[in-house]
Amino acid sequence: MLTRRGAIAGLTIAPLVAAAPLARSATATLTAAEIVRLAHDAAGGPTWLRPRSLTLTGEGRFWPQGTQAGSIDIPDYRMWRVFPSESAEAHAANGWVRIDARRADGSVYFQAAYDGETTYNQNGAVPGAEASREWSENFGFGIIRFALDEGFTLQRLPDDTADGRPMHVVRVADPSGGETLFGIAADDHAILWLGFETPRGWHERRYSDFYRNPGVSFTQPGRVRLFYDGVKQNEIRWSGYALNEDLPRSLFRIA
């Protein structure tokens, strides 16, 4: 009896035999560390690598049930971030962070914050275990800023594409043992994609519509899409950013 696995295997035999060899790109010999270094330079060099703070404003759309029906539009979506000077664990909270999502009538859809010690949501302080899970499902991108530091292990994985753009894929293993995959564009070295395991499932983000403020060497993706186990959870459009403002710690506490 021909199973689905057998049928698929049978269909793939002929193309594998007949297909022409894949062309090797000019960047085939780049190491993982060289690819990450190129990504750092393309994103803005030292200004992007070690920023003090970042304020983002934009809008979002959420699919809380993971289906097209019931989507929620958030016209006022903001994030404030004070960055850590070092990091050795990709998927744990660090620095200070706050996210506010408000509906068109000004009501709160959700809030999340971390002041370096305590996690908060729109209802106030969040207990430890729940707080740790919240951040383990969200923190991950920033670790690429530290990926060339001592104690990190980098490995180049097979090349792929994101939204039709060829990219190099690098695994970043931090000193704590956490792993994060990054997709770096083969042409301009923009960071297009990341992926990592979370308690909620396999998490991916896709980045596009990159821009810079006039006179500032800091690249910001204007569009970010988040997925869990292949299903889109939300999409954020960042329309503006401010860099290295003095943000008070009180901003990262929600009463």
Protein backbone atom coordinates (compact mmCIF):
# COMPACT_ATOMS: atom_id res chain seq x y z
CA MET A 1 0.00 0.00 0.00
CA LEU A 2 1.39 3.37 -0.99
CA THR A 3 1.48 5.70 1.99
CA ARG A 4 1.57 9.51 1.75
CA ARG A 5 5.24 9.39 2.77
CA GLY A 6 5.93 6.84 0.06
CA ALA A 7 4.07 8.85 -2.57
CA ILE A 8 6.02 11.98 -1.72
CA ALA A 9 9.28 10.07 -1.77
CA GLY A 10 8.44 8.61 -5.16
CA LEU A 11 7.60 12.01 -6.60
CA THR A 12 10.87 13.48 -5.45
CA ILE A 13 13.17 10.86 -6.92
CA ALA A 14 13.01 12.07 -10.52
CA PRO A 15 13.62 15.79 -9.81
CA LEU A 16 16.55 14.94 -7.57
CA VAL A 17 18.16 12.87 -10.28
CA ALA A 18 17.39 15.23 -13.14
CA ALA A 19 18.00 18.58 -11.47
CA ALA A 20 21.08 20.55 -12.45
CA PRO A 21 23.61 21.27 -9.69
CA LEU A 22 22.87 24.42 -7.70
CA ALA A 23 25.15 27.30 -8.59
CA ARG A 24 27.54 28.31 -5.83
CA SER A 25 27.25 31.97 -4.92
CA ALA A 26 30.19 34.32 -4.64
CA THR A 27 29.64 34.38 -0.87
CA ALA A 28 29.72 30.59 -0.44
CA THR A 29 33.04 30.72 1.45
CA LEU A 30 31.99 33.32 4.02
CA THR A 31 32.16 32.06 7.60
CA ALA A 32 29.34 32.54 10.08
CA ALA A 33 31.37 35.18 11.94
CA GLU A 34 32.04 37.09 8.72
CA ILE A 35 28.34 37.07 7.86
CA VAL A 36 27.42 38.41 11.32
CA ARG A 37 30.08 41.12 11.02
CA LEU A 38 28.65 42.17 7.66
CA ALA A 39 25.18 42.31 9.23
CA HIS A 40 26.50 44.56 12.03
CA ASP A 41 28.07 46.94 9.53
CA ALA A 42 24.97 47.03 7.32
CA ALA A 43 22.68 47.77 10.27
CA GLY A 44 24.69 50.82 11.29
CA GLY A 45 27.99 49.77 12.80
CA PRO A 46 28.79 50.99 16.35
CA THR A 47 25.66 53.18 16.50
CA TRP A 48 23.44 50.14 15.94
CA LEU A 49 25.65 47.70 17.80
CA ARG A 50 25.60 49.44 21.20
CA PRO A 51 22.69 51.90 21.39
CA ARG A 52 21.66 53.28 24.77
CA SER A 53 17.92 53.47 24.14
CA LEU A 54 15.31 53.23 21.40
CA THR A 55 11.75 54.58 21.22
CA LEU A 56 9.49 53.17 18.50
CA THR A 57 6.05 54.31 17.36
CA GLY A 58 3.75 52.59 14.91
CA GLU A 59 0.67 50.44 14.51
CA GLY A 60 -0.17 46.77 14.52
CA ARG A 61 -2.64 44.05 13.65
CA PHE A 62 -3.13 40.98 15.84
CA TRP A 63 -4.71 37.57 15.21
CA PRO A 64 -5.17 36.26 18.78
CA GLN A 65 -7.03 33.11 17.68
CA GLY A 66 -4.60 32.42 14.83
CA THR A 67 -7.35 32.75 12.20
CA GLN A 68 -8.26 35.50 9.77
CA ALA A 69 -11.53 36.11 11.56
CA GLY A 70 -11.33 38.21 14.68
CA SER A 71 -8.25 40.27 13.79
CA ILE A 72 -7.64 43.29 16.00
CA ASP A 73 -6.23 46.58 14.68
CA ILE A 74 -4.03 48.59 17.02
CA PRO A 75 -3.48 52.11 15.64
CA ASP A 76 -1.24 53.16 18.56
CA TYR A 77 1.61 50.72 19.20
CA ARG A 78 4.74 51.87 21.03
CA MET A 79 7.90 50.40 22.46
CA TRP A 80 10.57 51.87 24.71
CA ARG A 81 13.88 50.07 25.17
CA VAL A 82 16.98 50.70 27.27
CA PHE A 83 19.61 48.27 26.08
CA PRO A 84 21.99 46.20 28.22
CA SER A 85 25.72 46.76 27.85
CA GLU A 86 26.26 42.99 27.64
CA SER A 87 24.16 39.85 27.24
CA ALA A 88 24.93 36.13 27.51
CA GLU A 89 21.38 34.71 27.34
CA ALA A 90 19.28 35.35 24.25
CA HIS A 91 15.83 34.49 25.54
CA ALA A 92 15.78 36.10 28.96
CA ALA A 93 14.73 39.64 29.84
CA ASN A 94 17.53 42.18 30.02
CA GLY A 95 17.89 45.94 30.08
CA TRP A 96 14.55 47.75 30.35
CA VAL A 97 11.61 47.39 27.99
CA ARG A 98 8.00 48.53 27.72
CA ILE A 99 5.32 47.92 25.09
CA ASP A 100 1.95 49.68 24.96
CA ALA A 101 -0.84 48.66 22.56
CA ARG A 102 -3.97 50.83 22.45
CA ARG A 103 -7.16 50.54 20.44
CA ALA A 104 -8.64 53.37 18.38
CA ASP A 105 -10.70 54.57 21.35
CA GLY A 106 -7.58 54.88 23.51
CA SER A 107 -8.31 51.81 25.64
CA VAL A 108 -5.46 49.43 26.46
CA TYR A 109 -5.25 46.22 24.45
CA PHE A 110 -2.19 45.10 26.39
CA GLN A 111 0.89 46.42 28.15
CA ALA A 112 4.15 44.66 29.02
CA ALA A 113 7.20 46.03 30.79
CA TYR A 114 10.41 45.05 32.55
CA ASP A 115 12.43 47.47 34.69
CA GLY A 116 15.49 45.26 35.14
CA GLU A 117 14.00 43.42 38.13
CA THR A 118 10.22 43.12 37.85
CA THR A 119 7.91 42.27 34.96
CA TYR A 120 4.61 44.11 34.56
CA ASN A 121 1.50 43.90 32.43
CA GLN A 122 -1.59 46.11 32.29
CA ASN A 123 -2.68 44.69 35.66
CA GLY A 124 0.59 45.41 37.49
CA ALA A 125 3.48 43.17 38.58
CA VAL A 126 3.65 39.64 37.12
CA PRO A 127 4.80 36.60 39.21
CA GLY A 128 8.22 35.12 38.45
CA ALA A 129 7.40 31.94 36.49
CA GLU A 130 4.79 33.64 34.33
CA ALA A 131 7.13 36.57 33.74
CA SER A 132 10.00 34.32 32.66
CA ARG A 133 7.78 32.55 30.13
CA GLU A 134 6.56 35.88 28.74
CA TRP A 135 10.06 37.07 27.92
CA SER A 136 11.36 33.68 26.74
CA GLU A 137 8.71 33.86 24.02
CA ASN A 138 9.73 37.35 22.93
CA PHE A 139 13.39 38.16 23.60
CA GLY A 140 15.85 36.91 21.01
CA PHE A 141 16.71 39.45 18.33
CA GLY A 142 19.10 41.55 20.41
CA ILE A 143 21.56 38.71 20.97
CA ILE A 144 23.00 39.16 17.48
CA ARG A 145 24.56 42.40 18.74
CA PHE A 146 26.75 40.31 21.06
CA ALA A 147 27.26 37.27 18.82
CA LEU A 148 30.95 38.04 18.17
CA ASP A 149 31.72 38.32 21.91
CA GLU A 150 33.69 35.70 23.82
CA GLY A 151 31.72 32.61 24.78
CA PHE A 152 29.42 32.58 21.74
CA THR A 153 29.48 29.82 19.10
CA LEU A 154 28.47 30.54 15.50
CA GLN A 155 27.64 28.05 12.77
CA ARG A 156 26.68 28.68 9.18
CA LEU A 157 23.60 26.68 8.12
CA PRO A 158 22.28 26.09 4.59
CA ASP A 159 21.33 29.23 2.69
CA ASP A 160 17.63 29.95 2.22
CA THR A 161 15.25 32.74 1.19
CA ALA A 162 12.92 35.12 3.04
CA ASP A 163 10.12 36.75 1.04
CA GLY A 164 11.99 35.73 -2.09
CA ARG A 165 15.29 37.28 -0.99
CA PRO A 166 18.33 34.97 -0.82
CA MET A 167 19.83 34.87 2.65
CA HIS A 168 22.59 33.22 4.65
CA VAL A 169 21.44 31.43 7.80
CA VAL A 170 23.57 31.50 10.95
CA ARG A 171 23.02 29.70 14.25
CA VAL A 172 24.04 31.79 17.27
CA ALA A 173 24.60 29.74 20.44
CA ASP A 174 24.97 31.96 23.51
CA PRO A 175 27.06 31.07 26.59
CA SER A 176 23.95 29.89 28.46
CA GLY A 177 23.21 27.30 25.75
CA GLY A 178 20.35 29.12 24.04
CA GLU A 179 20.22 28.97 20.26
CA THR A 180 18.81 31.48 17.78
CA LEU A 181 18.83 31.27 13.99
CA PHE A 182 19.32 34.45 11.95
CA GLY A 183 18.78 35.00 8.24
CA ILE A 184 21.11 37.63 6.71
CA ALA A 185 20.42 38.95 3.21
CA ALA A 186 23.01 37.77 0.70
CA ASP A 187 23.07 41.12 -1.13
CA ASP A 188 22.90 44.00 1.38
CA HIS A 189 23.33 41.91 4.60
CA ALA A 190 20.11 43.15 6.23
CA ILE A 191 18.76 40.93 9.00
CA LEU A 192 15.66 39.46 7.34
CA TRP A 193 14.60 36.62 9.62
CA LEU A 194 15.09 34.88 12.95
CA GLY A 195 13.80 31.70 14.54
CA PHE A 196 14.01 30.00 17.93
CA GLU A 197 12.20 27.51 20.15
CA THR A 198 9.85 28.84 22.84
CA PRO A 199 7.40 27.27 25.33
CA ARG A 200 4.69 28.39 22.91
CA GLY A 201 6.23 26.70 19.88
CA TRP A 202 8.67 27.51 17.09
CA HIS A 203 8.87 31.30 16.80
CA GLU A 204 9.83 33.18 13.65
CA ARG A 205 10.05 36.86 12.74
CA ARG A 206 10.40 38.39 9.30
CA TYR A 207 11.82 41.88 8.87
CA SER A 208 11.41 44.19 5.87
CA ASP A 209 10.87 47.82 4.76
CA PHE A 210 14.12 49.01 6.34
CA TYR A 211 14.79 52.72 6.81
CA ARG A 212 17.06 55.20 8.60
CA ASN A 213 16.46 58.58 10.16
CA PRO A 214 18.25 61.38 8.28
CA GLY A 215 21.86 61.65 9.40
CA VAL A 216 21.68 58.57 11.65
CA SER A 217 23.48 55.29 10.90
CA PHE A 218 20.89 53.09 12.59
CA THR A 219 18.72 50.83 10.45
CA GLN A 220 15.19 50.05 11.62
CA PRO A 221 12.84 47.54 9.97
CA GLY A 222 9.55 49.26 9.18
CA ARG A 223 7.64 45.98 9.06
CA VAL A 224 7.89 43.04 11.48
CA ARG A 225 5.78 39.88 11.25
CA LEU A 226 5.68 37.32 14.09
CA PHE A 227 4.78 33.64 13.71
CA TYR A 228 4.35 30.69 16.07
CA ASP A 229 4.49 27.22 14.54
CA GLY A 230 4.06 28.79 11.11
CA VAL A 231 0.90 30.79 11.95
CA LYS A 232 1.08 34.58 11.85
CA GLN A 233 0.34 36.08 15.25
CA ASN A 234 0.80 39.77 14.60
CA GLU A 235 2.26 42.33 12.23
CA ILE A 236 3.81 45.61 13.34
CA ARG A 237 4.48 48.66 11.18
CA TRP A 238 7.08 50.95 12.75
CA SER A 239 6.74 54.45 11.32
CA GLY A 240 9.20 56.33 13.52
CA TYR A 241 12.07 55.91 15.96
CA ALA A 242 14.13 58.03 18.34
CA LEU A 243 17.59 56.92 19.41
CA ASN A 244 19.53 57.37 22.65
CA GLU A 245 17.00 59.46 24.56
CA ASP A 246 17.20 59.56 28.36
CA LEU A 247 14.35 57.28 29.45
CA PRO A 248 13.57 57.18 33.20
CA ARG A 249 13.29 53.82 34.91
CA SER A 250 9.85 54.82 36.18
CA LEU A 251 8.60 54.58 32.59
CA PHE A 252 9.19 50.82 32.76
CA ARG A 253 6.94 50.27 35.76
CA ILE A 254 3.17 49.86 35.43
CA ALA A 255 1.09 50.45 38.53
